[in-house]
């Protein structure tokens, strides 16, 4: 009977490790995809700034970034939002923060991640 109990404990442990590993791989993929999306949006904001006068139109920037977020196929529409963006270095750079809200990512009850935040900076 002891061998059976030890066998069940080892199977449960391997099951937990398997689920944790697959959830962690999904989390890493989400982080990488969101990082790429944040960098694309930061580059788009920089493209909307006039290089000669360093002037920009906030409405045009928001429309352009929303268009990029909606054209993205890796995340469901409306799940990624721009939390904050600011023009830095006297108009020669941008710092953009994206937030991805989703349901529970990890299947295990003792891990709780329901949003991922990525910050991208772009300067020229």
N, C-alpha and C. Protein backbone atom coordinates (compact mmCIF):
# COMPACT_ATOMS: atom_id res chain seq x y z
N UNK A 1 0.81 -1.19 0.00
CA UNK A 1 0.00 0.00 0.00
C UNK A 1 0.86 1.26 0.00
N UNK A 2 2.02 1.19 0.70
CA UNK A 2 2.91 2.36 0.73
C UNK A 2 3.42 2.68 -0.68
N UNK A 3 3.70 1.67 -1.45
CA UNK A 3 4.21 1.88 -2.80
C UNK A 3 3.15 2.57 -3.66
N UNK A 4 1.89 2.19 -3.49
CA UNK A 4 0.80 2.80 -4.24
C UNK A 4 0.63 4.28 -3.87
N UNK A 5 0.72 4.59 -2.58
CA UNK A 5 0.58 5.98 -2.13
C UNK A 5 1.74 6.83 -2.65
N UNK A 6 2.94 6.29 -2.59
CA UNK A 6 4.10 7.01 -3.12
C UNK A 6 3.97 7.21 -4.63
N UNK A 7 3.48 6.20 -5.33
CA UNK A 7 3.27 6.30 -6.77
C UNK A 7 2.25 7.41 -7.10
N UNK A 8 1.15 7.46 -6.34
CA UNK A 8 0.15 8.52 -6.56
C UNK A 8 0.74 9.90 -6.26
N UNK A 9 1.54 10.01 -5.22
CA UNK A 9 2.15 11.30 -4.88
C UNK A 9 3.10 11.76 -5.98
N UNK A 10 3.88 10.84 -6.51
CA UNK A 10 4.81 11.19 -7.60
C UNK A 10 4.04 11.59 -8.85
N UNK A 11 2.95 10.88 -9.15
CA UNK A 11 2.13 11.25 -10.31
C UNK A 11 1.52 12.63 -10.14
N UNK A 12 1.04 12.95 -8.95
CA UNK A 12 0.48 14.28 -8.70
C UNK A 12 1.56 15.35 -8.82
N UNK A 13 2.74 15.08 -8.33
CA UNK A 13 3.83 16.04 -8.43
C UNK A 13 4.21 16.29 -9.88
N UNK A 14 4.32 15.23 -10.67
CA UNK A 14 4.64 15.40 -12.09
C UNK A 14 3.52 16.12 -12.82
N UNK A 15 2.28 15.88 -12.43
CA UNK A 15 1.16 16.60 -13.03
C UNK A 15 1.23 18.09 -12.75
N UNK A 16 1.55 18.45 -11.50
CA UNK A 16 1.70 19.87 -11.14
C UNK A 16 2.84 20.51 -11.92
N UNK A 17 3.95 19.81 -12.04
CA UNK A 17 5.10 20.34 -12.79
C UNK A 17 4.73 20.52 -14.26
N UNK A 18 4.01 19.57 -14.84
CA UNK A 18 3.60 19.67 -16.24
C UNK A 18 2.69 20.87 -16.47
N UNK A 19 1.67 21.05 -15.61
CA UNK A 19 0.76 22.18 -15.77
C UNK A 19 1.48 23.51 -15.56
N UNK A 20 2.35 23.57 -14.57
CA UNK A 20 3.10 24.80 -14.33
C UNK A 20 3.98 25.13 -15.52
N UNK A 21 4.65 24.13 -16.09
CA UNK A 21 5.53 24.36 -17.23
C UNK A 21 4.75 24.87 -18.44
N UNK A 22 3.61 24.27 -18.74
CA UNK A 22 2.83 24.72 -19.89
C UNK A 22 2.26 26.12 -19.66
N UNK A 23 1.80 26.41 -18.44
CA UNK A 23 1.30 27.76 -18.14
C UNK A 23 2.41 28.79 -18.22
N UNK A 24 3.60 28.44 -17.74
CA UNK A 24 4.72 29.36 -17.80
C UNK A 24 5.13 29.63 -19.25
N UNK A 25 5.08 28.61 -20.11
CA UNK A 25 5.38 28.83 -21.52
C UNK A 25 4.36 29.77 -22.16
N UNK A 26 3.08 29.64 -21.80
CA UNK A 26 2.06 30.57 -22.31
C UNK A 26 2.32 31.98 -21.82
N UNK A 27 2.71 32.12 -20.56
CA UNK A 27 3.00 33.44 -19.99
C UNK A 27 4.18 34.09 -20.70
N UNK A 28 5.21 33.32 -20.98
CA UNK A 28 6.39 33.84 -21.68
C UNK A 28 6.01 34.27 -23.09
N UNK A 29 5.16 33.50 -23.77
CA UNK A 29 4.71 33.86 -25.11
C UNK A 29 3.90 35.15 -25.09
N UNK A 30 3.01 35.30 -24.09
CA UNK A 30 2.22 36.52 -23.97
C UNK A 30 3.13 37.71 -23.72
N UNK A 31 4.12 37.56 -22.84
CA UNK A 31 5.06 38.64 -22.56
C UNK A 31 5.81 39.06 -23.82
N UNK A 32 6.29 38.08 -24.61
CA UNK A 32 7.04 38.39 -25.82
C UNK A 32 6.17 39.07 -26.86
N UNK A 33 4.95 38.56 -27.06
CA UNK A 33 4.04 39.17 -28.03
C UNK A 33 3.66 40.59 -27.62
N UNK A 34 3.42 40.80 -26.32
CA UNK A 34 3.06 42.14 -25.85
C UNK A 34 4.24 43.09 -25.95
N UNK A 35 5.45 42.59 -25.73
CA UNK A 35 6.64 43.42 -25.88
C UNK A 35 6.78 43.90 -27.33
N UNK A 36 6.60 42.98 -28.28
CA UNK A 36 6.68 43.35 -29.69
C UNK A 36 5.59 44.35 -30.07
N UNK A 37 4.39 44.15 -29.55
CA UNK A 37 3.30 45.07 -29.84
C UNK A 37 3.56 46.45 -29.23
N UNK A 38 4.10 46.50 -28.02
CA UNK A 38 4.41 47.78 -27.38
C UNK A 38 5.50 48.52 -28.15
N UNK A 39 6.50 47.79 -28.64
CA UNK A 39 7.54 48.45 -29.44
C UNK A 39 6.98 48.98 -30.75
N UNK A 40 6.09 48.22 -31.39
CA UNK A 40 5.47 48.70 -32.62
C UNK A 40 4.65 49.96 -32.38
N UNK A 41 3.91 49.99 -31.29
CA UNK A 41 3.09 51.17 -30.98
C UNK A 41 3.97 52.37 -30.64
N UNK A 42 5.07 52.14 -29.92
CA UNK A 42 5.98 53.25 -29.59
C UNK A 42 6.60 53.83 -30.87
N UNK A 43 6.98 52.96 -31.79
CA UNK A 43 7.53 53.44 -33.06
C UNK A 43 6.47 54.22 -33.84
N UNK A 44 5.22 53.78 -33.78
CA UNK A 44 4.15 54.47 -34.48
C UNK A 44 3.92 55.86 -33.89
N UNK A 45 4.01 55.98 -32.57
CA UNK A 45 3.84 57.29 -31.94
C UNK A 45 4.96 58.23 -32.37
N UNK A 46 6.18 57.73 -32.46
CA UNK A 46 7.31 58.56 -32.88
C UNK A 46 7.11 59.02 -34.33
N UNK A 47 6.53 58.16 -35.16
CA UNK A 47 6.29 58.54 -36.55
C UNK A 47 5.27 59.67 -36.67
N UNK A 48 4.41 59.81 -35.68
CA UNK A 48 3.39 60.87 -35.72
C UNK A 48 3.93 62.22 -35.26
N UNK A 49 5.15 62.26 -34.75
CA UNK A 49 5.75 63.52 -34.28
C UNK A 49 6.49 64.17 -35.44
N UNK A 50 6.24 65.44 -35.64
CA UNK A 50 6.94 66.19 -36.68
C UNK A 50 8.38 66.41 -36.23
N UNK A 51 9.34 65.93 -37.01
CA UNK A 51 10.75 65.97 -36.60
C UNK A 51 11.31 67.38 -36.58
N UNK A 52 10.79 68.27 -37.42
CA UNK A 52 11.34 69.62 -37.49
C UNK A 52 10.85 70.49 -36.35
N UNK A 53 9.55 70.46 -36.10
CA UNK A 53 8.99 71.36 -35.08
C UNK A 53 8.71 70.65 -33.76
N UNK A 54 8.83 69.33 -33.74
CA UNK A 54 8.55 68.50 -32.56
C UNK A 54 7.13 68.69 -32.05
N UNK A 55 6.21 68.96 -32.97
CA UNK A 55 4.80 69.08 -32.63
C UNK A 55 4.10 67.78 -32.97
N UNK A 56 3.03 67.52 -32.25
CA UNK A 56 2.26 66.30 -32.49
C UNK A 56 0.81 66.54 -32.17
N UNK A 57 -0.04 65.72 -32.77
CA UNK A 57 -1.47 65.78 -32.53
C UNK A 57 -1.86 64.55 -31.71
N UNK A 58 -2.34 64.79 -30.50
CA UNK A 58 -2.66 63.68 -29.59
C UNK A 58 -3.77 62.79 -30.15
N UNK A 59 -4.75 63.39 -30.81
CA UNK A 59 -5.83 62.60 -31.40
C UNK A 59 -5.34 61.68 -32.50
N UNK A 60 -4.43 62.20 -33.33
CA UNK A 60 -3.86 61.38 -34.40
C UNK A 60 -3.05 60.23 -33.83
N UNK A 61 -2.30 60.49 -32.77
CA UNK A 61 -1.49 59.44 -32.13
C UNK A 61 -2.40 58.35 -31.57
N UNK A 62 -3.45 58.74 -30.85
CA UNK A 62 -4.34 57.74 -30.26
C UNK A 62 -5.05 56.92 -31.34
N UNK A 63 -5.49 57.57 -32.42
CA UNK A 63 -6.14 56.83 -33.51
C UNK A 63 -5.18 55.83 -34.14
N UNK A 64 -3.95 56.25 -34.35
CA UNK A 64 -2.96 55.39 -34.99
C UNK A 64 -2.63 54.19 -34.11
N UNK A 65 -2.46 54.42 -32.82
CA UNK A 65 -2.15 53.32 -31.89
C UNK A 65 -3.33 52.36 -31.77
N UNK A 66 -4.55 52.90 -31.71
CA UNK A 66 -5.73 52.03 -31.63
C UNK A 66 -5.86 51.20 -32.90
N UNK A 67 -5.53 51.78 -34.05
CA UNK A 67 -5.57 51.03 -35.30
C UNK A 67 -4.56 49.87 -35.26
N UNK A 68 -3.38 50.12 -34.72
CA UNK A 68 -2.38 49.05 -34.61
C UNK A 68 -2.84 47.97 -33.64
N UNK A 69 -3.43 48.37 -32.51
CA UNK A 69 -3.91 47.39 -31.54
C UNK A 69 -5.04 46.54 -32.11
N UNK A 70 -5.93 47.15 -32.88
CA UNK A 70 -7.05 46.40 -33.46
C UNK A 70 -6.62 45.49 -34.61
N UNK A 71 -5.55 45.86 -35.30
CA UNK A 71 -5.08 45.02 -36.41
C UNK A 71 -4.24 43.84 -35.93
N UNK A 72 -3.91 43.82 -34.65
CA UNK A 72 -3.12 42.73 -34.09
C UNK A 72 -3.98 41.47 -33.96
N UNK A 73 -3.44 40.33 -34.38
CA UNK A 73 -4.20 39.08 -34.36
C UNK A 73 -3.83 38.17 -33.19
N UNK A 74 -2.79 38.49 -32.43
CA UNK A 74 -2.37 37.61 -31.35
C UNK A 74 -3.23 37.76 -30.10
N UNK A 75 -3.83 38.93 -29.93
CA UNK A 75 -4.65 39.18 -28.75
C UNK A 75 -6.08 39.47 -29.19
N UNK A 76 -7.07 39.06 -28.40
CA UNK A 76 -8.46 39.38 -28.75
C UNK A 76 -8.68 40.89 -28.77
N UNK A 77 -9.58 41.32 -29.66
CA UNK A 77 -9.81 42.76 -29.80
C UNK A 77 -10.39 43.34 -28.51
N UNK A 78 -9.84 44.44 -28.08
CA UNK A 78 -10.30 45.10 -26.86
C UNK A 78 -9.62 44.63 -25.59
N UNK A 79 -8.77 43.60 -25.67
CA UNK A 79 -8.13 43.12 -24.45
C UNK A 79 -6.84 43.87 -24.14
N UNK A 80 -6.23 44.51 -25.14
CA UNK A 80 -5.01 45.28 -24.93
C UNK A 80 -5.38 46.75 -24.95
N UNK A 81 -4.93 47.49 -23.96
CA UNK A 81 -5.22 48.91 -23.90
C UNK A 81 -3.95 49.69 -23.59
N UNK A 82 -3.93 50.93 -24.05
CA UNK A 82 -2.81 51.82 -23.76
C UNK A 82 -3.08 52.45 -22.40
N UNK A 83 -2.28 52.09 -21.42
CA UNK A 83 -2.45 52.63 -20.09
C UNK A 83 -1.93 54.05 -20.01
N UNK A 84 -0.77 54.28 -20.61
CA UNK A 84 -0.15 55.60 -20.52
C UNK A 84 0.86 55.74 -21.65
N UNK A 85 0.96 56.94 -22.20
CA UNK A 85 2.07 57.24 -23.09
C UNK A 85 2.49 58.67 -22.84
N UNK A 86 3.76 58.91 -22.96
CA UNK A 86 4.27 60.26 -22.76
C UNK A 86 5.40 60.53 -23.75
N UNK A 87 5.45 61.77 -24.19
CA UNK A 87 6.51 62.21 -25.09
C UNK A 87 7.67 62.66 -24.20
N UNK A 88 8.85 62.09 -24.41
CA UNK A 88 10.00 62.35 -23.55
C UNK A 88 11.13 62.99 -24.34
N UNK A 89 12.14 63.39 -23.65
CA UNK A 89 13.37 63.95 -24.21
C UNK A 89 13.10 65.12 -25.15
N UNK A 90 12.21 65.99 -24.72
CA UNK A 90 11.92 67.17 -25.51
C UNK A 90 11.28 66.87 -26.84
N UNK A 91 10.48 65.82 -26.91
CA UNK A 91 9.82 65.46 -28.15
C UNK A 91 10.60 64.48 -29.00
N UNK A 92 11.77 64.07 -28.55
CA UNK A 92 12.60 63.16 -29.34
C UNK A 92 12.48 61.71 -28.90
N UNK A 93 11.50 61.40 -28.10
CA UNK A 93 11.32 60.02 -27.67
C UNK A 93 9.92 59.82 -27.14
N UNK A 94 9.58 58.57 -26.93
CA UNK A 94 8.27 58.24 -26.40
C UNK A 94 8.39 57.06 -25.45
N UNK A 95 7.56 57.08 -24.43
CA UNK A 95 7.48 55.98 -23.46
C UNK A 95 6.02 55.55 -23.43
N UNK A 96 5.76 54.29 -23.79
CA UNK A 96 4.40 53.80 -23.93
C UNK A 96 4.19 52.58 -23.04
N UNK A 97 3.06 52.54 -22.36
CA UNK A 97 2.74 51.43 -21.45
C UNK A 97 1.47 50.75 -21.93
N UNK A 98 1.56 49.44 -22.20
CA UNK A 98 0.41 48.65 -22.63
C UNK A 98 0.01 47.69 -21.52
N UNK A 99 -1.29 47.48 -21.38
CA UNK A 99 -1.82 46.54 -20.40
C UNK A 99 -2.69 45.52 -21.13
N UNK A 100 -2.42 44.25 -20.89
CA UNK A 100 -3.21 43.17 -21.47
C UNK A 100 -4.02 42.53 -20.35
N UNK A 101 -5.34 42.70 -20.39
CA UNK A 101 -6.23 42.12 -19.38
C UNK A 101 -6.85 40.85 -19.93
N UNK A 102 -6.81 39.80 -19.16
CA UNK A 102 -7.36 38.52 -19.58
C UNK A 102 -7.84 37.79 -18.34
N UNK A 103 -8.41 36.62 -18.55
CA UNK A 103 -8.82 35.79 -17.43
C UNK A 103 -7.60 35.19 -16.76
N UNK A 104 -7.82 34.25 -15.93
CA UNK A 104 -6.72 33.61 -15.21
C UNK A 104 -5.84 32.85 -16.20
N UNK A 105 -4.54 33.12 -16.19
CA UNK A 105 -3.62 32.48 -17.12
C UNK A 105 -3.13 31.14 -16.59
N UNK A 106 -2.88 31.05 -15.30
CA UNK A 106 -2.37 29.82 -14.71
C UNK A 106 -3.52 28.94 -14.24
N UNK A 107 -3.41 27.64 -14.50
CA UNK A 107 -4.44 26.69 -14.08
C UNK A 107 -4.31 26.33 -12.60
N UNK A 108 -3.12 26.45 -12.07
CA UNK A 108 -2.89 26.09 -10.67
C UNK A 108 -3.47 27.15 -9.75
N UNK A 109 -4.09 26.76 -8.64
CA UNK A 109 -4.80 27.73 -7.81
C UNK A 109 -3.89 28.68 -7.03
N UNK A 110 -2.62 28.35 -6.85
CA UNK A 110 -1.76 29.20 -6.04
C UNK A 110 -0.98 30.21 -6.86
N UNK A 111 -1.24 30.31 -8.17
CA UNK A 111 -0.68 31.37 -9.01
C UNK A 111 -1.82 32.19 -9.55
N UNK A 112 -1.70 33.49 -9.44
CA UNK A 112 -2.78 34.37 -9.91
C UNK A 112 -2.18 35.50 -10.73
N UNK A 113 -2.37 35.43 -12.04
CA UNK A 113 -1.94 36.49 -12.95
C UNK A 113 -3.12 36.77 -13.86
N UNK A 114 -3.64 38.00 -13.81
CA UNK A 114 -4.77 38.32 -14.67
C UNK A 114 -4.51 39.50 -15.59
N UNK A 115 -3.31 40.09 -15.51
CA UNK A 115 -2.95 41.14 -16.45
C UNK A 115 -1.44 41.20 -16.59
N UNK A 116 -1.02 41.65 -17.76
CA UNK A 116 0.40 41.79 -18.06
C UNK A 116 0.62 43.23 -18.51
N UNK A 117 1.63 43.88 -17.98
CA UNK A 117 1.95 45.26 -18.34
C UNK A 117 3.34 45.29 -18.95
N UNK A 118 3.46 45.93 -20.11
CA UNK A 118 4.76 46.09 -20.78
C UNK A 118 4.96 47.56 -21.08
N UNK A 119 6.20 48.00 -20.93
CA UNK A 119 6.58 49.39 -21.22
C UNK A 119 7.65 49.37 -22.30
N UNK A 120 7.44 50.21 -23.31
CA UNK A 120 8.43 50.32 -24.41
C UNK A 120 8.85 51.77 -24.51
N UNK A 121 10.13 51.98 -24.69
CA UNK A 121 10.66 53.32 -24.93
C UNK A 121 11.32 53.35 -26.28
N UNK A 122 11.11 54.43 -26.98
CA UNK A 122 11.69 54.59 -28.30
C UNK A 122 12.18 56.03 -28.43
N UNK A 123 13.39 56.19 -28.88
CA UNK A 123 13.96 57.54 -29.05
C UNK A 123 14.81 57.57 -30.30
N UNK A 124 14.98 58.76 -30.84
CA UNK A 124 15.82 58.91 -32.01
C UNK A 124 16.74 60.09 -31.83
